PDB file of all heavy atoms in Angstrom:
ATOM      1  N   THR A   1     -22.080 -40.110 -28.495  1.00  0.00           N
ATOM      2  CA  THR A   1     -22.549 -38.733 -28.414  1.00  0.00           C
ATOM      3  C   THR A   1     -21.423 -37.814 -28.948  1.00  0.00           C
ATOM      4  O   THR A   1     -20.286 -37.856 -28.418  1.00  0.00           O
ATOM      5  CB  THR A   1     -22.818 -38.332 -26.953  1.00  0.00           C
ATOM      6  OG1 THR A   1     -23.794 -39.252 -26.409  1.00  0.00           O
ATOM      7  CG2 THR A   1     -23.346 -36.927 -26.829  1.00  0.00           C
ATOM      8  N   GLY A   2     -21.713 -37.051 -29.934  1.00  0.00           N
ATOM      9  CA  GLY A   2     -20.682 -36.127 -30.452  1.00  0.00           C
ATOM     10  C   GLY A   2     -19.440 -36.769 -30.949  1.00  0.00           C
ATOM     11  O   GLY A   2     -18.352 -36.246 -30.818  1.00  0.00           O
ATOM     12  N   GLY A   3     -19.582 -37.988 -31.495  1.00  0.00           N
ATOM     13  CA  GLY A   3     -18.422 -38.644 -32.099  1.00  0.00           C
ATOM     14  C   GLY A   3     -17.625 -39.525 -31.174  1.00  0.00           C
ATOM     15  O   GLY A   3     -16.625 -40.131 -31.601  1.00  0.00           O
ATOM     16  N   SER A   4     -17.991 -39.617 -29.897  1.00  0.00           N
ATOM     17  CA  SER A   4     -17.289 -40.489 -29.012  1.00  0.00           C
ATOM     18  C   SER A   4     -18.289 -41.216 -28.093  1.00  0.00           C
ATOM     19  O   SER A   4     -19.381 -40.742 -27.817  1.00  0.00           O
ATOM     20  CB  SER A   4     -16.225 -39.766 -28.171  1.00  0.00           C
ATOM     21  OG  SER A   4     -16.862 -38.830 -27.299  1.00  0.00           O
ATOM     22  N   TYR A   5     -17.897 -42.372 -27.603  1.00  0.00           N
ATOM     23  CA  TYR A   5     -18.767 -43.101 -26.681  1.00  0.00           C
ATOM     24  C   TYR A   5     -18.609 -42.552 -25.297  1.00  0.00           C
ATOM     25  O   TYR A   5     -17.485 -42.310 -24.811  1.00  0.00           O
ATOM     26  CB  TYR A   5     -18.448 -44.581 -26.715  1.00  0.00           C
ATOM     27  CG  TYR A   5     -19.073 -45.277 -27.892  1.00  0.00           C
ATOM     28  CD1 TYR A   5     -18.367 -45.415 -29.091  1.00  0.00           C
ATOM     29  CD2 TYR A   5     -20.346 -45.762 -27.833  1.00  0.00           C
ATOM     30  CE1 TYR A   5     -18.952 -46.010 -30.211  1.00  0.00           C
ATOM     31  CE2 TYR A   5     -20.934 -46.348 -28.934  1.00  0.00           C
ATOM     32  CZ  TYR A   5     -20.222 -46.471 -30.108  1.00  0.00           C
ATOM     33  OH  TYR A   5     -20.850 -47.064 -31.167  1.00  0.00           O
ATOM     34  N   ARG A   6     -19.746 -42.365 -24.652  1.00  0.00           N
ATOM     35  CA  ARG A   6     -19.769 -41.849 -23.282  1.00  0.00           C
ATOM     36  C   ARG A   6     -20.609 -42.766 -22.397  1.00  0.00           C
ATOM     37  O   ARG A   6     -21.584 -43.351 -22.850  1.00  0.00           O
ATOM     38  CB  ARG A   6     -20.344 -40.418 -23.250  1.00  0.00           C
ATOM     39  CG  ARG A   6     -19.406 -39.425 -23.946  1.00  0.00           C
ATOM     40  CD  ARG A   6     -20.000 -38.025 -23.943  1.00  0.00           C
ATOM     41  NE  ARG A   6     -19.074 -37.085 -24.448  1.00  0.00           N
ATOM     42  CZ  ARG A   6     -18.269 -36.348 -23.713  1.00  0.00           C
ATOM     43  NH1 ARG A   6     -18.353 -36.374 -22.399  1.00  0.00           N
ATOM     44  NH2 ARG A   6     -17.404 -35.483 -24.249  1.00  0.00           N
ATOM     45  N   ILE A   7     -20.294 -42.780 -21.142  1.00  0.00           N
ATOM     46  CA  ILE A   7     -20.982 -43.634 -20.179  1.00  0.00           C
ATOM     47  C   ILE A   7     -22.374 -43.011 -19.851  1.00  0.00           C
ATOM     48  O   ILE A   7     -22.500 -41.840 -19.597  1.00  0.00           O
ATOM     49  CB  ILE A   7     -20.171 -43.756 -18.869  1.00  0.00           C
ATOM     50  CG1 ILE A   7     -18.822 -44.328 -19.157  1.00  0.00           C
ATOM     51  CG2 ILE A   7     -20.931 -44.543 -17.812  1.00  0.00           C
ATOM     52  CD1 ILE A   7     -17.784 -44.143 -18.053  1.00  0.00           C
ATOM     53  N   VAL A   8     -23.410 -43.875 -19.916  1.00  0.00           N
ATOM     54  CA  VAL A   8     -24.748 -43.437 -19.528  1.00  0.00           C
ATOM     55  C   VAL A   8     -25.242 -44.210 -18.324  1.00  0.00           C
ATOM     56  O   VAL A   8     -26.246 -43.795 -17.716  1.00  0.00           O
ATOM     57  CB  VAL A   8     -25.788 -43.507 -20.682  1.00  0.00           C
ATOM     58  CG1 VAL A   8     -25.406 -42.511 -21.778  1.00  0.00           C
ATOM     59  CG2 VAL A   8     -25.878 -44.911 -21.262  1.00  0.00           C
ATOM     60  N   ASP A   9     -24.578 -45.281 -17.962  1.00  0.00           N
ATOM     61  CA  ASP A   9     -24.985 -46.072 -16.787  1.00  0.00           C
ATOM     62  C   ASP A   9     -23.832 -46.974 -16.387  1.00  0.00           C
ATOM     63  O   ASP A   9     -23.055 -47.403 -17.231  1.00  0.00           O
ATOM     64  CB  ASP A   9     -26.241 -46.891 -17.057  1.00  0.00           C
ATOM     65  CG  ASP A   9     -26.898 -47.443 -15.813  1.00  0.00           C
ATOM     66  OD1 ASP A   9     -26.518 -47.066 -14.694  1.00  0.00           O
ATOM     67  OD2 ASP A   9     -27.822 -48.265 -15.946  1.00  0.00           O
ATOM     68  N   VAL A  10     -23.784 -47.304 -15.097  1.00  0.00           N
ATOM     69  CA  VAL A  10     -22.842 -48.254 -14.567  1.00  0.00           C
ATOM     70  C   VAL A  10     -23.635 -49.309 -13.795  1.00  0.00           C
ATOM     71  O   VAL A  10     -24.411 -48.913 -12.909  1.00  0.00           O
ATOM     72  CB  VAL A  10     -21.759 -47.608 -13.639  1.00  0.00           C
ATOM     73  CG1 VAL A  10     -20.772 -48.672 -13.155  1.00  0.00           C
ATOM     74  CG2 VAL A  10     -21.039 -46.462 -14.387  1.00  0.00           C
ATOM     75  N   ILE A  11     -23.424 -50.558 -14.123  1.00  0.00           N
ATOM     76  CA  ILE A  11     -24.169 -51.650 -13.422  1.00  0.00           C
ATOM     77  C   ILE A  11     -23.163 -52.409 -12.590  1.00  0.00           C
ATOM     78  O   ILE A  11     -22.135 -52.890 -13.089  1.00  0.00           O
ATOM     79  CB  ILE A  11     -24.868 -52.565 -14.456  1.00  0.00           C
ATOM     80  CG1 ILE A  11     -25.910 -51.782 -15.297  1.00  0.00           C
ATOM     81  CG2 ILE A  11     -25.536 -53.707 -13.810  1.00  0.00           C
ATOM     82  CD1 ILE A  11     -25.494 -51.392 -16.601  1.00  0.00           C
ATOM     83  N   SER A  12     -23.469 -52.541 -11.355  1.00  0.00           N
ATOM     84  CA  SER A  12     -22.626 -53.278 -10.378  1.00  0.00           C
ATOM     85  C   SER A  12     -23.482 -54.266  -9.634  1.00  0.00           C
ATOM     86  O   SER A  12     -24.507 -53.868  -9.041  1.00  0.00           O
ATOM     87  CB  SER A  12     -21.947 -52.317  -9.472  1.00  0.00           C
ATOM     88  OG  SER A  12     -21.204 -52.982  -8.466  1.00  0.00           O
ATOM     89  N   GLY A  13     -23.096 -55.512  -9.580  1.00  0.00           N
ATOM     90  CA  GLY A  13     -23.921 -56.484  -8.837  1.00  0.00           C
ATOM     91  C   GLY A  13     -25.342 -56.637  -9.416  1.00  0.00           C
ATOM     92  O   GLY A  13     -26.258 -56.925  -8.672  1.00  0.00           O
ATOM     93  N   GLY A  14     -25.460 -56.391 -10.708  1.00  0.00           N
ATOM     94  CA  GLY A  14     -26.761 -56.490 -11.355  1.00  0.00           C
ATOM     95  C   GLY A  14     -27.652 -55.275 -11.094  1.00  0.00           C
ATOM     96  O   GLY A  14     -28.845 -55.274 -11.535  1.00  0.00           O
ATOM     97  N   VAL A  15     -27.134 -54.266 -10.439  1.00  0.00           N
ATOM     98  CA  VAL A  15     -27.973 -53.074 -10.127  1.00  0.00           C
ATOM     99  C   VAL A  15     -27.471 -51.845 -10.924  1.00  0.00           C
ATOM    100  O   VAL A  15     -26.281 -51.549 -10.934  1.00  0.00           O
ATOM    101  CB  VAL A  15     -27.864 -52.772  -8.581  1.00  0.00           C
ATOM    102  CG1 VAL A  15     -28.686 -51.549  -8.247  1.00  0.00           C
ATOM    103  CG2 VAL A  15     -28.317 -53.970  -7.770  1.00  0.00           C
ATOM    104  N   SER A  16     -28.416 -51.228 -11.562  1.00  0.00           N
ATOM    105  CA  SER A  16     -28.136 -50.038 -12.382  1.00  0.00           C
ATOM    106  C   SER A  16     -28.015 -48.805 -11.515  1.00  0.00           C
ATOM    107  O   SER A  16     -28.910 -48.466 -10.722  1.00  0.00           O
ATOM    108  CB  SER A  16     -29.254 -49.850 -13.394  1.00  0.00           C
ATOM    109  OG  SER A  16     -29.309 -48.515 -13.849  1.00  0.00           O
ATOM    110  N   ASN A  17     -26.890 -48.093 -11.610  1.00  0.00           N
ATOM    111  CA  ASN A  17     -26.714 -46.869 -10.886  1.00  0.00           C
ATOM    112  C   ASN A  17     -27.739 -45.820 -11.318  1.00  0.00           C
ATOM    113  O   ASN A  17     -28.287 -45.075 -10.509  1.00  0.00           O
ATOM    114  CB  ASN A  17     -25.274 -46.300 -11.064  1.00  0.00           C
ATOM    115  CG  ASN A  17     -25.009 -45.108 -10.202  1.00  0.00           C
ATOM    116  OD1 ASN A  17     -25.145 -45.200  -8.964  1.00  0.00           O
ATOM    117  ND2 ASN A  17     -24.617 -44.042 -10.822  1.00  0.00           N
ATOM    118  N   LEU A  18     -28.036 -45.798 -12.604  1.00  0.00           N
ATOM    119  CA  LEU A  18     -29.074 -44.865 -13.132  1.00  0.00           C
ATOM    120  C   LEU A  18     -30.415 -45.152 -12.509  1.00  0.00           C
ATOM    121  O   LEU A  18     -31.122 -44.207 -12.088  1.00  0.00           O
ATOM    122  CB  LEU A  18     -29.069 -44.989 -14.655  1.00  0.00           C
ATOM    123  CG  LEU A  18     -29.997 -44.046 -15.417  1.00  0.00           C
ATOM    124  CD1 LEU A  18     -29.548 -42.644 -15.239  1.00  0.00           C
ATOM    125  CD2 LEU A  18     -29.980 -44.403 -16.887  1.00  0.00           C
ATOM    126  N   ALA A  19     -30.805 -46.419 -12.425  1.00  0.00           N
ATOM    127  CA  ALA A  19     -32.098 -46.760 -11.806  1.00  0.00           C
ATOM    128  C   ALA A  19     -32.123 -46.372 -10.317  1.00  0.00           C
ATOM    129  O   ALA A  19     -33.165 -45.880  -9.834  1.00  0.00           O
ATOM    130  CB  ALA A  19     -32.375 -48.249 -11.965  1.00  0.00           C
ATOM    131  N   LEU A  20     -31.021 -46.588  -9.621  1.00  0.00           N
ATOM    132  CA  LEU A  20     -30.954 -46.194  -8.207  1.00  0.00           C
ATOM    133  C   LEU A  20     -31.112 -44.673  -8.057  1.00  0.00           C
ATOM    134  O   LEU A  20     -31.881 -44.227  -7.167  1.00  0.00           O
ATOM    135  CB  LEU A  20     -29.641 -46.641  -7.598  1.00  0.00           C
ATOM    136  CG  LEU A  20     -29.468 -48.075  -7.266  1.00  0.00           C
ATOM    137  CD1 LEU A  20     -28.048 -48.375  -6.730  1.00  0.00           C
ATOM    138  CD2 LEU A  20     -30.480 -48.505  -6.209  1.00  0.00           C
ATOM    139  N   GLN A  21     -30.417 -43.924  -8.876  1.00  0.00           N
ATOM    140  CA  GLN A  21     -30.524 -42.454  -8.768  1.00  0.00           C
ATOM    141  C   GLN A  21     -31.922 -41.997  -9.032  1.00  0.00           C
ATOM    142  O   GLN A  21     -32.463 -41.150  -8.360  1.00  0.00           O
ATOM    143  CB  GLN A  21     -29.541 -41.802  -9.715  1.00  0.00           C
ATOM    144  CG  GLN A  21     -28.092 -41.832  -9.308  1.00  0.00           C
ATOM    145  CD  GLN A  21     -27.190 -41.125 -10.266  1.00  0.00           C
ATOM    146  OE1 GLN A  21     -27.428 -41.083 -11.450  1.00  0.00           O
ATOM    147  NE2 GLN A  21     -26.133 -40.539  -9.754  1.00  0.00           N
ATOM    148  N   ARG A  22     -32.502 -42.609 -10.054  1.00  0.00           N
ATOM    149  CA  ARG A  22     -33.876 -42.213 -10.443  1.00  0.00           C
ATOM    150  C   ARG A  22     -34.859 -42.494  -9.282  1.00  0.00           C
ATOM    151  O   ARG A  22     -35.699 -41.697  -8.946  1.00  0.00           O
ATOM    152  CB  ARG A  22     -34.313 -42.949 -11.700  1.00  0.00           C
ATOM    153  CG  ARG A  22     -35.642 -42.386 -12.230  1.00  0.00           C
ATOM    154  CD  ARG A  22     -35.912 -42.885 -13.633  1.00  0.00           C
ATOM    155  NE  ARG A  22     -37.210 -42.325 -14.015  1.00  0.00           N
ATOM    156  CZ  ARG A  22     -37.641 -42.297 -15.222  1.00  0.00           C
ATOM    157  NH1 ARG A  22     -36.918 -42.791 -16.216  1.00  0.00           N
ATOM    158  NH2 ARG A  22     -38.810 -41.784 -15.527  1.00  0.00           N
ATOM    159  N   ALA A  23     -34.709 -43.681  -8.680  1.00  0.00           N
ATOM    160  CA  ALA A  23     -35.575 -44.075  -7.561  1.00  0.00           C
ATOM    161  C   ALA A  23     -35.332 -43.201  -6.328  1.00  0.00           C
ATOM    162  O   ALA A  23     -36.292 -42.727  -5.694  1.00  0.00           O
ATOM    163  CB  ALA A  23     -35.362 -45.525  -7.207  1.00  0.00           C
ATOM    164  N   ASP A  24     -34.066 -42.891  -6.052  1.00  0.00           N
ATOM    165  CA  ASP A  24     -33.726 -42.089  -4.887  1.00  0.00           C
ATOM    166  C   ASP A  24     -34.217 -40.677  -4.984  1.00  0.00           C
ATOM    167  O   ASP A  24     -34.559 -40.014  -3.996  1.00  0.00           O
ATOM    168  CB  ASP A  24     -32.208 -42.052  -4.648  1.00  0.00           C
ATOM    169  CG  ASP A  24     -31.671 -43.372  -4.157  1.00  0.00           C
ATOM    170  OD1 ASP A  24     -32.450 -44.215  -3.715  1.00  0.00           O
ATOM    171  OD2 ASP A  24     -30.409 -43.539  -4.215  1.00  0.00           O
ATOM    172  N   LEU A  25     -34.304 -40.159  -6.211  1.00  0.00           N
ATOM    173  CA  LEU A  25     -34.655 -38.740  -6.437  1.00  0.00           C
ATOM    174  C   LEU A  25     -36.098 -38.505  -6.931  1.00  0.00           C
ATOM    175  O   LEU A  25     -36.550 -37.403  -7.067  1.00  0.00           O
ATOM    176  CB  LEU A  25     -33.665 -38.094  -7.425  1.00  0.00           C
ATOM    177  CG  LEU A  25     -32.231 -38.055  -6.942  1.00  0.00           C
ATOM    178  CD1 LEU A  25     -31.257 -37.653  -8.070  1.00  0.00           C
ATOM    179  CD2 LEU A  25     -32.103 -37.072  -5.749  1.00  0.00           C
ATOM    180  N   ALA A  26     -36.808 -39.611  -7.214  1.00  0.00           N
ATOM    181  CA  ALA A  26     -38.152 -39.543  -7.807  1.00  0.00           C
ATOM    182  C   ALA A  26     -39.107 -38.642  -6.979  1.00  0.00           C
ATOM    183  O   ALA A  26     -39.746 -37.729  -7.543  1.00  0.00           O
ATOM    184  CB  ALA A  26     -38.751 -40.914  -8.019  1.00  0.00           C
ATOM    185  N   THR A  27     -39.211 -38.888  -5.679  1.00  0.00           N
ATOM    186  CA  THR A  27     -40.136 -38.101  -4.852  1.00  0.00           C
ATOM    187  C   THR A  27     -39.721 -36.647  -4.773  1.00  0.00           C
ATOM    188  O   THR A  27     -40.580 -35.746  -4.863  1.00  0.00           O
ATOM    189  CB  THR A  27     -40.217 -38.693  -3.404  1.00  0.00           C
ATOM    190  OG1 THR A  27     -40.649 -40.064  -3.550  1.00  0.00           O
ATOM    191  CG2 THR A  27     -41.187 -37.960  -2.548  1.00  0.00           C
ATOM    192  N   THR A  28     -38.423 -36.408  -4.663  1.00  0.00           N
ATOM    193  CA  THR A  28     -37.896 -35.035  -4.585  1.00  0.00           C
ATOM    194  C   THR A  28     -38.239 -34.278  -5.906  1.00  0.00           C
ATOM    195  O   THR A  28     -38.729 -33.142  -5.833  1.00  0.00           O
ATOM    196  CB  THR A  28     -36.399 -35.056  -4.389  1.00  0.00           C
ATOM    197  OG1 THR A  28     -36.088 -35.736  -3.173  1.00  0.00           O
ATOM    198  CG2 THR A  28     -35.823 -33.667  -4.364  1.00  0.00           C
ATOM    199  N   ILE A  29     -38.053 -34.939  -7.027  1.00  0.00           N
ATOM    200  CA  ILE A  29     -38.316 -34.324  -8.340  1.00  0.00           C
ATOM    201  C   ILE A  29     -39.832 -34.100  -8.480  1.00  0.00           C
ATOM    202  O   ILE A  29     -40.255 -33.043  -8.997  1.00  0.00           O
ATOM    203  CB  ILE A  29     -37.748 -35.129  -9.475  1.00  0.00           C
ATOM    204  CG1 ILE A  29     -36.202 -35.145  -9.410  1.00  0.00           C
ATOM    205  CG2 ILE A  29     -38.225 -34.639 -10.822  1.00  0.00           C
ATOM    206  CD1 ILE A  29     -35.543 -36.171 -10.311  1.00  0.00           C
ATOM    207  N   GLN A  30     -40.633 -35.071  -8.069  1.00  0.00           N
ATOM    208  CA  GLN A  30     -42.072 -34.984  -8.186  1.00  0.00           C
ATOM    209  C   GLN A  30     -42.646 -33.810  -7.416  1.00  0.00           C
ATOM    210  O   GLN A  30     -43.531 -33.099  -7.853  1.00  0.00           O
ATOM    211  CB  GLN A  30     -42.695 -36.284  -7.685  1.00  0.00           C
ATOM    212  CG  GLN A  30     -43.819 -36.785  -8.499  1.00  0.00           C
ATOM    213  CD  GLN A  30     -44.236 -38.178  -8.061  1.00  0.00           C
ATOM    214  OE1 GLN A  30     -43.931 -38.618  -6.956  1.00  0.00           O
ATOM    215  NE2 GLN A  30     -44.929 -38.871  -8.936  1.00  0.00           N
ATOM    216  N   THR A  31     -42.088 -33.591  -6.203  1.00  0.00           N
ATOM    217  CA  THR A  31     -42.623 -32.501  -5.366  1.00  0.00           C
ATOM    218  C   THR A  31     -41.998 -31.139  -5.631  1.00  0.00           C
ATOM    219  O   THR A  31     -42.663 -30.152  -5.422  1.00  0.00           O
ATOM    220  CB  THR A  31     -42.437 -32.852  -3.899  1.00  0.00           C
ATOM    221  OG1 THR A  31     -41.071 -33.054  -3.587  1.00  0.00           O
ATOM    222  CG2 THR A  31     -43.246 -34.065  -3.458  1.00  0.00           C
ATOM    223  N   GLY A  32     -40.757 -31.090  -6.067  1.00  0.00           N
ATOM    224  CA  GLY A  32     -40.139 -29.789  -6.224  1.00  0.00           C
ATOM    225  C   GLY A  32     -39.409 -29.563  -7.511  1.00  0.00           C
ATOM    226  O   GLY A  32     -38.710 -28.539  -7.712  1.00  0.00           O
ATOM    227  N   GLY A  33     -39.515 -30.501  -8.459  1.00  0.00           N
ATOM    228  CA  GLY A  33     -38.863 -30.331  -9.788  1.00  0.00           C
ATOM    229  C   GLY A  33     -37.364 -30.441  -9.692  1.00  0.00           C
ATOM    230  O   GLY A  33     -36.785 -30.884  -8.685  1.00  0.00           O
ATOM    231  N   LEU A  34     -36.739 -30.002 -10.749  1.00  0.00           N
ATOM    232  CA  LEU A  34     -35.256 -30.072 -10.825  1.00  0.00           C
ATOM    233  C   LEU A  34     -34.594 -29.214  -9.763  1.00  0.00           C
ATOM    234  O   LEU A  34     -33.531 -29.627  -9.222  1.00  0.00           O
ATOM    235  CB  LEU A  34     -34.753 -29.698 -12.225  1.00  0.00           C
ATOM    236  CG  LEU A  34     -35.190 -30.622 -13.350  1.00  0.00           C
ATOM    237  CD1 LEU A  34     -34.542 -30.225 -14.657  1.00  0.00           C
ATOM    238  CD2 LEU A  34     -34.913 -32.098 -13.036  1.00  0.00           C
ATOM    239  N   PRO A  35     -35.106 -28.013  -9.404  1.00  0.00           N
ATOM    240  CA  PRO A  35     -34.433 -27.243  -8.340  1.00  0.00           C
ATOM    241  C   PRO A  35     -34.355 -28.026  -7.025  1.00  0.00           C
ATOM    242  O   PRO A  35     -33.338 -27.921  -6.308  1.00  0.00           O
ATOM    243  CB  PRO A  35     -35.301 -26.011  -8.209  1.00  0.00           C
ATOM    244  CG  PRO A  35     -35.899 -25.801  -9.567  1.00  0.00           C
ATOM    245  CD  PRO A  35     -36.168 -27.259 -10.017  1.00  0.00           C
ATOM    246  N   ALA A  36     -35.411 -28.785  -6.686  1.00  0.00           N
ATOM    247  CA  ALA A  36     -35.356 -29.594  -5.444  1.00  0.00           C
ATOM    248  C   ALA A  36     -34.312 -30.688  -5.555  1.00  0.00           C
ATOM    249  O   ALA A  36     -33.642 -31.000  -4.595  1.00  0.00           O
ATOM    250  CB  ALA A  36     -36.719 -30.168  -5.159  1.00  0.00           C
ATOM    251  N   MET A  37     -34.176 -31.266  -6.748  1.00  0.00           N
ATOM    252  CA  MET A  37     -33.169 -32.311  -6.945  1.00  0.00           C
ATOM    253  C   MET A  37     -31.765 -31.728  -6.781  1.00  0.00           C
ATOM    254  O   MET A  37     -30.931 -32.329  -6.079  1.00  0.00           O
ATOM    255  CB  MET A  37     -33.319 -32.890  -8.369  1.00  0.00           C
ATOM    256  CG  MET A  37     -32.267 -33.980  -8.622  1.00  0.00           C
ATOM    257  SD  MET A  37     -32.281 -34.551 -10.365  1.00  0.00           S
ATOM    258  CE  MET A  37     -31.216 -33.311 -11.072  1.00  0.00           C
ATOM    259  N   VAL A  38     -31.551 -30.555  -7.342  1.00  0.00           N
ATOM    260  CA  VAL A  38     -30.232 -29.903  -7.222  1.00  0.00           C
ATOM    261  C   VAL A  38     -29.907 -29.631  -5.709  1.00  0.00           C
ATOM    262  O   VAL A  38     -28.838 -29.911  -5.262  1.00  0.00           O
ATOM    263  CB  VAL A  38     -30.207 -28.580  -8.037  1.00  0.00           C
ATOM    264  CG1 VAL A  38     -28.988 -27.752  -7.677  1.00  0.00           C
ATOM    265  CG2 VAL A  38     -30.290 -28.903  -9.507  1.00  0.00           C
ATOM    266  N   LYS A  39     -30.905 -29.166  -4.991  1.00  0.00           N
ATOM    267  CA  LYS A  39     -30.711 -28.878  -3.548  1.00  0.00           C
ATOM    268  C   LYS A  39     -30.406 -30.203  -2.769  1.00  0.00           C
ATOM    269  O   LYS A  39     -29.511 -30.234  -1.952  1.00  0.00           O
ATOM    270  CB  LYS A  39     -31.970 -28.194  -2.969  1.00  0.00           C
ATOM    271  CG  LYS A  39     -31.819 -27.803  -1.541  1.00  0.00           C
ATOM    272  CD  LYS A  39     -33.048 -27.082  -1.066  1.00  0.00           C
ATOM    273  CE  LYS A  39     -32.897 -26.696   0.415  1.00  0.00           C
ATOM    274  NZ  LYS A  39     -34.127 -26.030   0.902  1.00  0.00           N
ATOM    275  N   LYS A  40     -31.137 -31.250  -3.067  1.00  0.00           N
ATOM    276  CA  LYS A  40     -30.929 -32.511  -2.387  1.00  0.00           C
ATOM    277  C   LYS A  40     -29.526 -33.090  -2.700  1.00  0.00           C
ATOM    278  O   LYS A  40     -28.870 -33.555  -1.788  1.00  0.00           O
ATOM    279  CB  LYS A  40     -31.984 -33.566  -2.759  1.00  0.00           C
ATOM    280  CG  LYS A  40     -31.805 -34.876  -2.013  1.00  0.00           C
ATOM    281  CD  LYS A  40     -32.937 -35.801  -2.169  1.00  0.00           C
ATOM    282  CE  LYS A  40     -32.690 -37.053  -1.319  1.00  0.00           C
ATOM    283  NZ  LYS A  40     -33.841 -37.962  -1.322  1.00  0.00           N
ATOM    284  N   LEU A  41     -29.137 -33.017  -3.913  1.00  0.00           N
ATOM    285  CA  LEU A  41     -27.803 -33.512  -4.301  1.00  0.00           C
ATOM    286  C   LEU A  41     -26.722 -32.717  -3.588  1.00  0.00           C
ATOM    287  O   LEU A  41     -25.686 -33.291  -3.140  1.00  0.00           O
ATOM    288  CB  LEU A  41     -27.589 -33.501  -5.821  1.00  0.00           C
ATOM    289  CG  LEU A  41     -28.389 -34.530  -6.616  1.00  0.00           C
ATOM    290  CD1 LEU A  41     -28.232 -34.293  -8.126  1.00  0.00           C
ATOM    291  CD2 LEU A  41     -27.990 -35.928  -6.216  1.00  0.00           C
ATOM    292  N   ALA A  42     -26.886 -31.390  -3.459  1.00  0.00           N
ATOM    293  CA  ALA A  42     -25.888 -30.582  -2.766  1.00  0.00           C
ATOM    294  C   ALA A  42     -25.801 -31.018  -1.295  1.00  0.00           C
ATOM    295  O   ALA A  42     -24.660 -31.075  -0.736  1.00  0.00           O
ATOM    296  CB  ALA A  42     -26.263 -29.108  -2.858  1.00  0.00           C
ATOM    297  N   GLN A  43     -26.922 -31.328  -0.680  1.00  0.00           N
ATOM    298  CA  GLN A  43     -26.896 -31.844   0.690  1.00  0.00           C
ATOM    299  C   GLN A  43     -26.182 -33.190   0.806  1.00  0.00           C
ATOM    300  O   GLN A  43     -25.360 -33.400   1.702  1.00  0.00           O
ATOM    301  CB  GLN A  43     -28.327 -31.960   1.248  1.00  0.00           C
ATOM    302  CG  GLN A  43     -28.977 -30.639   1.416  1.00  0.00           C
ATOM    303  CD  GLN A  43     -30.502 -30.778   1.677  1.00  0.00           C
ATOM    304  OE1 GLN A  43     -31.085 -31.831   1.487  1.00  0.00           O
ATOM    305  NE2 GLN A  43     -31.146 -29.679   2.091  1.00  0.00           N
ATOM    306  N   LEU A  44     -26.482 -34.078  -0.109  1.00  0.00           N
ATOM    307  CA  LEU A  44     -25.835 -35.372  -0.100  1.00  0.00           C
ATOM    308  C   LEU A  44     -24.330 -35.340  -0.382  1.00  0.00           C
ATOM    309  O   LEU A  44     -23.581 -36.183   0.115  1.00  0.00           O
ATOM    310  CB  LEU A  44     -26.488 -36.312  -1.184  1.00  0.00           C
ATOM    311  CG  LEU A  44     -27.924 -36.715  -0.975  1.00  0.00           C
ATOM    312  CD1 LEU A  44     -28.472 -37.448  -2.192  1.00  0.00           C
ATOM    313  CD2 LEU A  44     -28.042 -37.640   0.258  1.00  0.00           C
TER     314      LEU A  44
END
């Protein structure tokens, strides 16, 4: 991205951090969009 390599995911123990975040936040995003996600992350 922009001339340098950047991290888009970290896999540990065969588990994708990106997939975990997506699963953890899916219901929140579905019901309240990105603003709900932002609020939930601030709480966490």
